[in-house]
PDB file of N, CA and C in Angstrom:
ATOM      1  N   MET A   1      -6.754   0.991  -2.327  1.00  0.00           N
ATOM      2  CA  MET A   1      -6.555   0.232  -1.122  1.00  0.00           C
ATOM      3  C   MET A   1      -5.211  -0.728  -2.213  1.00  0.00           C
ATOM      4  N   LEU A   2      -4.369  -0.938  -1.733  1.00  0.00           N
ATOM      5  CA  LEU A   2      -3.184  -2.055  -2.482  1.00  0.00           C
ATOM      6  C   LEU A   2      -3.485  -3.059  -2.161  1.00  0.00           C
ATOM      7  N   THR A   3      -4.522  -4.396  -3.524  1.00  0.00           N
ATOM      8  CA  THR A   3      -4.000  -4.929  -3.191  1.00  0.00           C
ATOM      9  C   THR A   3      -2.767  -6.379  -2.825  1.00  0.00           C
ATOM     10  N   CYS A   4      -2.959  -6.875  -2.103  1.00  0.00           N
ATOM     11  CA  CYS A   4      -1.435  -8.021  -1.817  1.00  0.00           C
ATOM     12  C   CYS A   4      -2.211  -9.151  -1.856  1.00  0.00           C
ATOM     13  N   CYS A   5      -1.110 -10.292  -2.747  1.00  0.00           N
ATOM     14  CA  CYS A   5      -1.432 -11.377  -2.245  1.00  0.00           C
ATOM     15  C   CYS A   5      -0.250 -11.949  -1.646  1.00  0.00           C
ATOM     16  N   VAL A   6      -0.645 -12.896  -0.379  1.00  0.00           N
ATOM     17  CA  VAL A   6       0.886 -13.670  -0.178  1.00  0.00           C
ATOM     18  C   VAL A   6       0.741 -14.680  -0.079  1.00  0.00           C
ATOM     19  N   LYS A   7       1.923 -15.548  -0.699  1.00  0.00           N
ATOM     20  CA  LYS A   7       2.186 -16.462  -0.580  1.00  0.00           C
ATOM     21  C   LYS A   7       3.313 -17.104   0.250  1.00  0.00           C
ATOM     22  N   PHE A   8       2.835 -18.019   1.013  1.00  0.00           N
ATOM     23  CA  PHE A   8       4.352 -18.661   1.682  1.00  0.00           C
ATOM     24  C   PHE A   8       4.785 -19.764   0.881  1.00  0.00           C
ATOM     25  N   CYS A   9       5.928 -20.314   1.329  1.00  0.00           N
ATOM     26  CA  CYS A   9       7.076 -20.973   0.436  1.00  0.00           C
ATOM     27  C   CYS A   9       6.964 -22.118   1.385  1.00  0.00           C
ATOM     28  N   GLY A  10       7.109 -23.570   0.501  1.00  0.00           N
ATOM     29  CA  GLY A  10       7.124 -24.816   1.460  1.00  0.00           C
ATOM     30  C   GLY A  10       7.409 -25.111   2.697  1.00  0.00           C
ATOM     31  N   GLY A  11       8.366 -23.759   3.536  1.00  0.00           N
ATOM     32  CA  GLY A  11       8.932 -24.465   4.452  1.00  0.00           C
ATOM     33  C   GLY A  11      10.186 -25.436   4.677  1.00  0.00           C
ATOM     34  N   CYS A  12      10.175 -25.557   3.363  1.00  0.00           N
ATOM     35  CA  CYS A  12      11.834 -26.514   4.126  1.00  0.00           C
ATOM     36  C   CYS A  12      12.519 -26.479   4.891  1.00  0.00           C
ATOM     37  N   ASN A  13      13.101 -25.252   4.418  1.00  0.00           N
ATOM     38  CA  ASN A  13      14.312 -24.915   5.885  1.00  0.00           C
ATOM     39  C   ASN A  13      13.830 -23.319   6.522  1.00  0.00           C
ATOM     40  N   PRO A  14      12.803 -23.300   7.426  1.00  0.00           N
ATOM     41  CA  PRO A  14      12.651 -21.392   7.618  1.00  0.00           C
ATOM     42  C   PRO A  14      13.658 -21.573   8.453  1.00  0.00           C
ATOM     43  N   ARG A  15      14.467 -20.790   8.769  1.00  0.00           N
ATOM     44  CA  ARG A  15      15.223 -19.676   9.313  1.00  0.00           C
ATOM     45  C   ARG A  15      14.992 -18.662  11.076  1.00  0.00           C
ATOM     46  N   TYR A  16      13.690 -18.132  10.256  1.00  0.00           N
ATOM     47  CA  TYR A  16      12.834 -17.687  11.024  1.00  0.00           C
ATOM     48  C   TYR A  16      11.477 -17.975  10.910  1.00  0.00           C
ATOM     49  N   ASP A  17      10.573 -17.294  12.134  1.00  0.00           N
ATOM     50  CA  ASP A  17       9.372 -17.192  12.037  1.00  0.00           C
ATOM     51  C   ASP A  17       8.720 -16.139  11.111  1.00  0.00           C
ATOM     52  N   ARG A  18       8.471 -17.150  10.031  1.00  0.00           N
ATOM     53  CA  ARG A  18       7.730 -16.268   8.781  1.00  0.00           C
ATOM     54  C   ARG A  18       6.280 -15.574   9.094  1.00  0.00           C
ATOM     55  N   GLY A  19       5.551 -16.568   9.657  1.00  0.00           N
ATOM     56  CA  GLY A  19       4.226 -16.081  10.692  1.00  0.00           C
ATOM     57  C   GLY A  19       4.445 -14.729  11.097  1.00  0.00           C
ATOM     58  N   ALA A  20       4.949 -14.595  11.756  1.00  0.00           N
ATOM     59  CA  ALA A  20       5.377 -13.052  12.865  1.00  0.00           C
ATOM     60  C   ALA A  20       6.022 -12.573  12.289  1.00  0.00           C
ATOM     61  N   ALA A  21       6.856 -12.188  11.042  1.00  0.00           N
ATOM     62  CA  ALA A  21       7.064 -11.694   9.878  1.00  0.00           C
ATOM     63  C   ALA A  21       6.079 -10.694   9.657  1.00  0.00           C
ATOM     64  N   TYR A  22       5.226 -12.083   8.728  1.00  0.00           N
ATOM     65  CA  TYR A  22       3.951 -11.716   7.998  1.00  0.00           C
ATOM     66  C   TYR A  22       2.365 -10.777   8.673  1.00  0.00           C
ATOM     67  N   ALA A  23       2.781 -11.294  10.661  1.00  0.00           N
ATOM     68  CA  ALA A  23       1.984 -10.254  10.555  1.00  0.00           C
ATOM     69  C   ALA A  23       2.480  -9.167  11.768  1.00  0.00           C
ATOM     70  N   ARG A  24       3.579  -8.613  11.787  1.00  0.00           N
ATOM     71  CA  ARG A  24       3.892  -7.407  11.583  1.00  0.00           C
ATOM     72  C   ARG A  24       3.770  -6.568  10.404  1.00  0.00           C
ATOM     73  N   LEU A  25       3.969  -7.196   9.428  1.00  0.00           N
ATOM     74  CA  LEU A  25       3.714  -6.097   8.307  1.00  0.00           C
ATOM     75  C   LEU A  25       2.050  -5.971   7.917  1.00  0.00           C
ATOM     76  N   ARG A  26       1.398  -7.239   8.115  1.00  0.00           N
ATOM     77  CA  ARG A  26      -0.312  -6.499   8.199  1.00  0.00           C
ATOM     78  C   ARG A  26      -0.027  -5.604   9.125  1.00  0.00           C
ATOM     79  N   GLU A  27       0.346  -5.692  10.149  1.00  0.00           N
ATOM     80  CA  GLU A  27      -0.054  -4.381  11.369  1.00  0.00           C
ATOM     81  C   GLU A  27       0.478  -3.181  10.747  1.00  0.00           C
ATOM     82  N   ALA A  28       1.168  -3.299  10.389  1.00  0.00           N
ATOM     83  CA  ALA A  28       2.155  -1.924  10.020  1.00  0.00           C
ATOM     84  C   ALA A  28       1.566  -1.002   8.339  1.00  0.00           C
ATOM     85  N   LEU A  29       0.861  -1.973   7.449  1.00  0.00           N
ATOM     86  CA  LEU A  29       0.396  -1.374   6.571  1.00  0.00           C
ATOM     87  C   LEU A  29      -1.398  -1.961   6.207  1.00  0.00           C
ATOM     88  N   ALA A  30      -1.774  -1.682   7.510  1.00  0.00           N
ATOM     89  CA  ALA A  30      -3.020  -2.203   7.392  1.00  0.00           C
ATOM     90  C   ALA A  30      -4.049  -0.683   7.205  1.00  0.00           C
ATOM     91  N   ASP A  31      -3.283   0.403   6.921  1.00  0.00           N
ATOM     92  CA  ASP A  31      -4.242   1.599   6.255  1.00  0.00           C
ATOM     93  C   ASP A  31      -3.984   2.161   4.801  1.00  0.00           C
ATOM     94  N   ALA A  32      -3.243   1.263   4.559  1.00  0.00           N
ATOM     95  CA  ALA A  32      -2.690   0.921   2.730  1.00  0.00           C
ATOM     96  C   ALA A  32      -2.787   0.176   2.288  1.00  0.00           C
ATOM     97  N   VAL A  33      -2.663  -1.528   2.608  1.00  0.00           N
ATOM     98  CA  VAL A  33      -2.908  -2.552   1.630  1.00  0.00           C
ATOM     99  C   VAL A  33      -3.775  -3.605   2.310  1.00  0.00           C
ATOM    100  N   SER A  34      -4.211  -4.361   1.627  1.00  0.00           N
ATOM    101  CA  SER A  34      -5.345  -5.567   1.810  1.00  0.00           C
ATOM    102  C   SER A  34      -4.704  -6.687   1.275  1.00  0.00           C
ATOM    103  N   PHE A  35      -4.292  -7.301   2.238  1.00  0.00           N
ATOM    104  CA  PHE A  35      -3.953  -8.549   2.044  1.00  0.00           C
ATOM    105  C   PHE A  35      -4.516  -9.962   2.123  1.00  0.00           C
ATOM    106  N   SER A  36      -4.548 -10.788   0.996  1.00  0.00           N
ATOM    107  CA  SER A  36      -5.019 -12.148   0.952  1.00  0.00           C
ATOM    108  C   SER A  36      -4.719 -13.220   0.654  1.00  0.00           C
ATOM    109  N   LEU A  37      -4.824 -13.791   1.272  1.00  0.00           N
ATOM    110  CA  LEU A  37      -4.032 -15.756   0.012  1.00  0.00           C
ATOM    111  C   LEU A  37      -4.692 -15.731  -1.476  1.00  0.00           C
ATOM    112  N   PRO A  38      -3.767 -16.523  -1.851  1.00  0.00           N
ATOM    113  CA  PRO A  38      -4.261 -16.307  -3.752  1.00  0.00           C
ATOM    114  C   PRO A  38      -5.684 -17.108  -3.629  1.00  0.00           C
ATOM    115  N   GLU A  39      -6.186 -16.387  -4.481  1.00  0.00           N
ATOM    116  CA  GLU A  39      -8.006 -16.912  -5.502  1.00  0.00           C
ATOM    117  C   GLU A  39      -7.024 -16.752  -6.752  1.00  0.00           C
ATOM    118  N   GLU A  40      -7.826 -17.881  -7.239  1.00  0.00           N
ATOM    119  CA  GLU A  40      -7.925 -17.915  -8.779  1.00  0.00           C
ATOM    120  C   GLU A  40      -8.756 -17.472  -9.397  1.00  0.00           C
ATOM    121  N   GLY A  41      -7.991 -16.450 -10.903  1.00  0.00           N
ATOM    122  CA  GLY A  41      -8.099 -16.170 -11.462  1.00  0.00           C
ATOM    123  C   GLY A  41      -8.418 -14.062 -11.057  1.00  0.00           C
ATOM    124  N   ARG A  42      -7.890 -14.323  -9.806  1.00  0.00           N
ATOM    125  CA  ARG A  42      -8.208 -13.007  -9.410  1.00  0.00           C
ATOM    126  C   ARG A  42      -6.606 -12.094  -9.506  1.00  0.00           C
ATOM    127  N   ALA A  43      -6.790 -11.016 -10.174  1.00  0.00           N
ATOM    128  CA  ALA A  43      -5.209 -10.123 -10.332  1.00  0.00           C
ATOM    129  C   ALA A  43      -5.158  -9.366  -8.958  1.00  0.00           C
ATOM    130  N   TYR A  44      -3.980  -9.664  -8.897  1.00  0.00           N
ATOM    131  CA  TYR A  44      -3.431  -8.331  -7.536  1.00  0.00           C
ATOM    132  C   TYR A  44      -2.544  -7.263  -8.196  1.00  0.00           C
ATOM    133  N   ASP A  45      -2.524  -6.147  -7.285  1.00  0.00           N
ATOM    134  CA  ASP A  45      -1.279  -5.307  -6.917  1.00  0.00           C
ATOM    135  C   ASP A  45       0.083  -5.705  -6.809  1.00  0.00           C
ATOM    136  N   ALA A  46       0.157  -6.970  -6.055  1.00  0.00           N
ATOM    137  CA  ALA A  46       1.586  -7.179  -5.432  1.00  0.00           C
ATOM    138  C   ALA A  46       1.252  -8.134  -4.912  1.00  0.00           C
ATOM    139  N   LEU A  47       2.678  -9.414  -4.790  1.00  0.00           N
ATOM    140  CA  LEU A  47       2.259 -11.012  -4.436  1.00  0.00           C
ATOM    141  C   LEU A  47       3.550 -10.531  -4.037  1.00  0.00           C
ATOM    142  N   LEU A  48       3.318 -10.840  -2.778  1.00  0.00           N
ATOM    143  CA  LEU A  48       4.405 -10.562  -1.413  1.00  0.00           C
ATOM    144  C   LEU A  48       4.743 -12.537  -0.760  1.00  0.00           C
ATOM    145  N   ILE A  49       5.928 -12.862  -1.668  1.00  0.00           N
ATOM    146  CA  ILE A  49       6.394 -14.246  -1.437  1.00  0.00           C
ATOM    147  C   ILE A  49       7.018 -14.229  -0.075  1.00  0.00           C
ATOM    148  N   VAL A  50       6.293 -14.639   1.235  1.00  0.00           N
ATOM    149  CA  VAL A  50       6.811 -15.313   2.339  1.00  0.00           C
ATOM    150  C   VAL A  50       8.509 -16.665   2.349  1.00  0.00           C
ATOM    151  N   ARG A  51       9.609 -16.209   1.906  1.00  0.00           N
ATOM    152  CA  ARG A  51      10.207 -17.754   2.372  1.00  0.00           C
ATOM    153  C   ARG A  51      10.918 -17.554   3.471  1.00  0.00           C
ATOM    154  N   GLY A  52      11.392 -18.945   4.072  1.00  0.00           N
ATOM    155  CA  GLY A  52      12.144 -18.994   4.745  1.00  0.00           C
ATOM    156  C   GLY A  52      13.934 -19.588   5.138  1.00  0.00           C
ATOM    157  N   CYS A  53      14.155 -18.836   3.468  1.00  0.00           N
ATOM    158  CA  CYS A  53      15.672 -19.051   3.260  1.00  0.00           C
ATOM    159  C   CYS A  53      16.091 -18.760   1.706  1.00  0.00           C
ATOM    160  N   THR A  54      16.769 -18.822   1.429  1.00  0.00           N
ATOM    161  CA  THR A  54      17.299 -18.250   0.045  1.00  0.00           C
ATOM    162  C   THR A  54      17.546 -19.203  -0.964  1.00  0.00           C
ATOM    163  N   GLY A  55      17.380 -20.405  -0.553  1.00  0.00           N
ATOM    164  CA  GLY A  55      17.043 -21.672  -1.627  1.00  0.00           C
ATOM    165  C   GLY A  55      16.040 -21.609  -2.428  1.00  0.00           C
ATOM    166  N   CYS A  56      14.996 -21.415  -2.061  1.00  0.00           N
ATOM    167  CA  CYS A  56      13.360 -21.138  -2.838  1.00  0.00           C
ATOM    168  C   CYS A  56      13.208 -20.596  -4.114  1.00  0.00           C
ATOM    169  N   PRO A  57      14.002 -20.904  -5.645  1.00  0.00           N
ATOM    170  CA  PRO A  57      13.512 -20.266  -6.447  1.00  0.00           C
ATOM    171  C   PRO A  57      12.016 -19.857  -7.059  1.00  0.00           C
ATOM    172  N   TYR A  58      10.940 -20.410  -6.163  1.00  0.00           N
ATOM    173  CA  TYR A  58       9.875 -19.755  -7.125  1.00  0.00           C
ATOM    174  C   TYR A  58       9.552 -18.485  -7.260  1.00  0.00           C
ATOM    175  N   LEU A  59       8.563 -18.177  -7.871  1.00  0.00           N
ATOM    176  CA  LEU A  59       8.058 -16.707  -8.008  1.00  0.00           C
ATOM    177  C   LEU A  59       6.859 -16.753  -8.350  1.00  0.00           C
ATOM    178  N   TYR A  60       6.771 -18.035  -8.494  1.00  0.00           N
ATOM    179  CA  TYR A  60       4.717 -18.252  -8.241  1.00  0.00           C
ATOM    180  C   TYR A  60       4.194 -17.259  -9.627  1.00  0.00           C
ATOM    181  N   GLU A  61       4.512 -17.651 -10.576  1.00  0.00           N
ATOM    182  CA  GLU A  61       4.133 -16.996 -11.942  1.00  0.00           C
ATOM    183  C   GLU A  61       2.574 -17.210 -12.442  1.00  0.00           C
ATOM    184  N   ASP A  62       1.957 -18.249 -11.618  1.00  0.00           N
ATOM    185  CA  ASP A  62       0.730 -18.748 -11.860  1.00  0.00           C
ATOM    186  C   ASP A  62      -0.147 -17.401 -11.138  1.00  0.00           C
ATOM    187  N   ILE A  63       0.184 -16.790 -10.405  1.00  0.00           N
ATOM    188  CA  ILE A  63      -0.323 -15.999  -9.287  1.00  0.00           C
ATOM    189  C   ILE A  63      -0.600 -14.639 -10.233  1.00  0.00           C
ATOM    190  N   GLN A  64      -1.565 -13.761 -10.521  1.00  0.00           N
ATOM    191  CA  GLN A  64      -1.463 -12.533 -11.396  1.00  0.00           C
ATOM    192  C   GLN A  64      -0.979 -11.504 -10.461  1.00  0.00           C
ATOM    193  N   ALA A  65       0.076 -10.352 -10.804  1.00  0.00           N
ATOM    194  CA  ALA A  65       0.603  -9.831 -10.098  1.00  0.00           C
ATOM    195  C   ALA A  65       1.234  -8.961 -10.582  1.00  0.00           C
ATOM    196  N   ALA A  66       0.757  -7.392 -10.413  1.00  0.00           N
ATOM    197  CA  ALA A  66       1.813  -6.378 -11.416  1.00  0.00           C
ATOM    198  C   ALA A  66       3.337  -6.290 -11.195  1.00  0.00           C
ATOM    199  N   ARG A  67       3.473  -6.659  -9.276  1.00  0.00           N
ATOM    200  CA  ARG A  67       4.734  -6.570  -8.603  1.00  0.00           C
ATOM    201  C   ARG A  67       4.839  -7.687  -7.881  1.00  0.00           C
ATOM    202  N   ARG A  68       5.855  -8.334  -7.626  1.00  0.00           N
ATOM    203  CA  ARG A  68       5.947  -9.077  -6.591  1.00  0.00           C
ATOM    204  C   ARG A  68       7.879  -9.097  -6.006  1.00  0.00           C
ATOM    205  N   PHE A  69       7.739  -9.646  -4.378  1.00  0.00           N
ATOM    206  CA  PHE A  69       8.777  -8.987  -3.597  1.00  0.00           C
ATOM    207  C   PHE A  69       9.023 -10.373  -2.805  1.00  0.00           C
ATOM    208  N   PRO A  70      10.120 -11.014  -2.708  1.00  0.00           N
ATOM    209  CA  PRO A  70      10.317 -11.458  -2.172  1.00  0.00           C
ATOM    210  C   PRO A  70      10.535 -11.399  -0.788  1.00  0.00           C
ATOM    211  N   VAL A  71      10.306 -11.833   0.307  1.00  0.00           N
ATOM    212  CA  VAL A  71      11.181 -11.397   1.533  1.00  0.00           C
ATOM    213  C   VAL A  71      12.249 -13.351   2.121  1.00  0.00           C
ATOM    214  N   HIS A  72      13.349 -12.444   2.402  1.00  0.00           N
ATOM    215  CA  HIS A  72      14.116 -14.318   2.580  1.00  0.00           C
ATOM    216  C   HIS A  72      14.199 -14.814   4.238  1.00  0.00           C
ATOM    217  N   SER A  73      14.652 -12.893   4.849  1.00  0.00           N
ATOM    218  CA  SER A  73      15.001 -13.073   6.550  1.00  0.00           C
ATOM    219  C   SER A  73      13.934 -11.798   7.156  1.00  0.00           C
ATOM    220  N   PRO A  74      14.259 -12.252   8.323  1.00  0.00           N
ATOM    221  CA  PRO A  74      13.286 -11.354   8.732  1.00  0.00           C
ATOM    222  C   PRO A  74      14.093  -9.719   8.891  1.00  0.00           C
ATOM    223  N   GLU A  75      15.452  -9.804   8.351  1.00  0.00           N
ATOM    224  CA  GLU A  75      15.520  -8.422   7.942  1.00  0.00           C
ATOM    225  C   GLU A  75      15.009  -7.761   6.835  1.00  0.00           C
ATOM    226  N   GLU A  76      14.559  -8.533   5.939  1.00  0.00           N
ATOM    227  CA  GLU A  76      13.392  -7.903   4.840  1.00  0.00           C
ATOM    228  C   GLU A  76      12.521  -7.176   4.905  1.00  0.00           C
ATOM    229  N   VAL A  77      11.849  -7.517   5.888  1.00  0.00           N
ATOM    230  CA  VAL A  77      10.380  -7.237   6.486  1.00  0.00           C
ATOM    231  C   VAL A  77      10.239  -6.017   6.181  1.00  0.00           C
ATOM    232  N   GLU A  78      11.397  -5.049   7.040  1.00  0.00           N
ATOM    233  CA  GLU A  78      11.174  -3.181   6.249  1.00  0.00           C
ATOM    234  C   GLU A  78      10.773  -3.192   5.619  1.00  0.00           C
ATOM    235  N   GLN A  79      11.573  -4.367   4.848  1.00  0.00           N
ATOM    236  CA  GLN A  79      11.974  -3.262   3.303  1.00  0.00           C
ATOM    237  C   GLN A  79      10.401  -3.957   2.172  1.00  0.00           C
ATOM    238  N   ALA A  80      10.089  -4.541   2.873  1.00  0.00           N
ATOM    239  CA  ALA A  80       8.978  -5.368   1.966  1.00  0.00           C
ATOM    240  C   ALA A  80       7.647  -4.641   2.265  1.00  0.00           C
ATOM    241  N   ALA A  81       7.494  -4.120   3.786  1.00  0.00           N
ATOM    242  CA  ALA A  81       6.949  -2.678   4.073  1.00  0.00           C
ATOM    243  C   ALA A  81       7.194  -1.510   3.273  1.00  0.00           C
ATOM    244  N   ALA A  82       8.376  -1.198   3.356  1.00  0.00           N
ATOM    245  CA  ALA A  82       8.900   0.024   2.264  1.00  0.00           C
ATOM    246  C   ALA A  82       8.120  -0.064   0.650  1.00  0.00           C
ATOM    247  N   PHE A  83       8.710  -0.837   0.269  1.00  0.00           N
ATOM    248  CA  PHE A  83       7.830  -1.361  -0.769  1.00  0.00           C
ATOM    249  C   PHE A  83       6.504  -1.870  -0.790  1.00  0.00           C
ATOM    250  N   LEU A  84       5.634  -1.820  -0.363  1.00  0.00           N
ATOM    251  CA  LEU A  84       4.500  -2.116  -0.875  1.00  0.00           C
ATOM    252  C   LEU A  84       3.860  -0.400  -0.188  1.00  0.00           C
ATOM    253  N   ARG A  85       4.436  -0.291   0.938  1.00  0.00           N
ATOM    254  CA  ARG A  85       3.584   1.656   1.108  1.00  0.00           C
ATOM    255  C   ARG A  85       4.303   2.297  -0.170  1.00  0.00           C
ATOM    256  N   SER A  86       5.006   2.202  -1.109  1.00  0.00           N
ATOM    257  CA  SER A  86       5.638   3.689  -1.966  1.00  0.00           C
ATOM    258  C   SER A  86       4.754   2.750  -3.186  1.00  0.00           C
ATOM    259  N   LEU A  87       4.130   1.655  -3.690  1.00  0.00           N
ATOM    260  CA  LEU A  87       2.768   1.186  -3.965  1.00  0.00           C
ATOM    261  C   LEU A  87       1.809   1.726  -3.752  1.00  0.00           C
ATOM    262  N   ALA A  88       1.229   1.379  -2.536  1.00  0.00           N
ATOM    263  CA  ALA A  88       0.166   2.025  -1.748  1.00  0.00           C
ATOM    264  C   ALA A  88       0.084   3.506  -2.704  1.00  0.00           C
ATOM    265  N   ALA A  89       1.117   4.407  -1.970  1.00  0.00           N
ATOM    266  CA  ALA A  89       1.363   5.690  -2.001  1.00  0.00           C
ATOM    267  C   ALA A  89       0.868   6.243  -4.172  1.00  0.00           C
ATOM    268  N   GLU A  90       1.663   5.349  -4.900  1.00  0.00           N
ATOM    269  CA  GLU A  90       1.843   5.320  -5.916  1.00  0.00           C
ATOM    270  C   GLU A  90       0.194   5.654  -6.887  1.00  0.00           C
ATOM    271  N   GLN A  91      -0.222   4.540  -6.391  1.00  0.00           N
ATOM    272  CA  GLN A  91      -1.988   3.468  -6.640  1.00  0.00           C
ATOM    273  C   GLN A  91      -2.647   4.846  -6.321  1.00  0.00           C
ATOM    274  N   GLN A  92      -2.315   5.436  -5.139  1.00  0.00           N
ATOM    275  CA  GLN A  92      -3.273   6.347  -4.256  1.00  0.00           C
ATOM    276  C   GLN A  92      -2.609   8.432  -5.652  1.00  0.00           C
ATOM    277  N   ASP A  93      -1.855   8.357  -5.676  1.00  0.00           N
ATOM    278  CA  ASP A  93      -1.461   9.321  -6.699  1.00  0.00           C
ATOM    279  C   ASP A  93      -1.990   9.684  -8.194  1.00  0.00           C
ATOM    280  N   SER A  94      -2.067   8.110  -8.769  1.00  0.00           N
ATOM    281  CA  SER A  94      -2.630   8.018  -9.748  1.00  0.00           C
ATOM    282  C   SER A  94      -3.943   8.181 -10.432  1.00  0.00           C
TER     283      SER A  94
END
């Protein structure tokens, strides 16, 4: 199962319900992705950065992850789901 760390931005300018977007992702990918909050010293297959707007530049380089995917809007939730599902499928095939 793909390991995915989730990091929310500071929330200074949220333009959508980030928590609801994350809940939809978790539900849609429950069979393929294991989500968790960051743990010091742990490496992840992917890092999902849930941002409230396009102004936040941080990629959280201190979190060890092979791939990063920022979500800036509710419209990008489906793209994030497809990205994570494809990573999970790649991992399963190898």
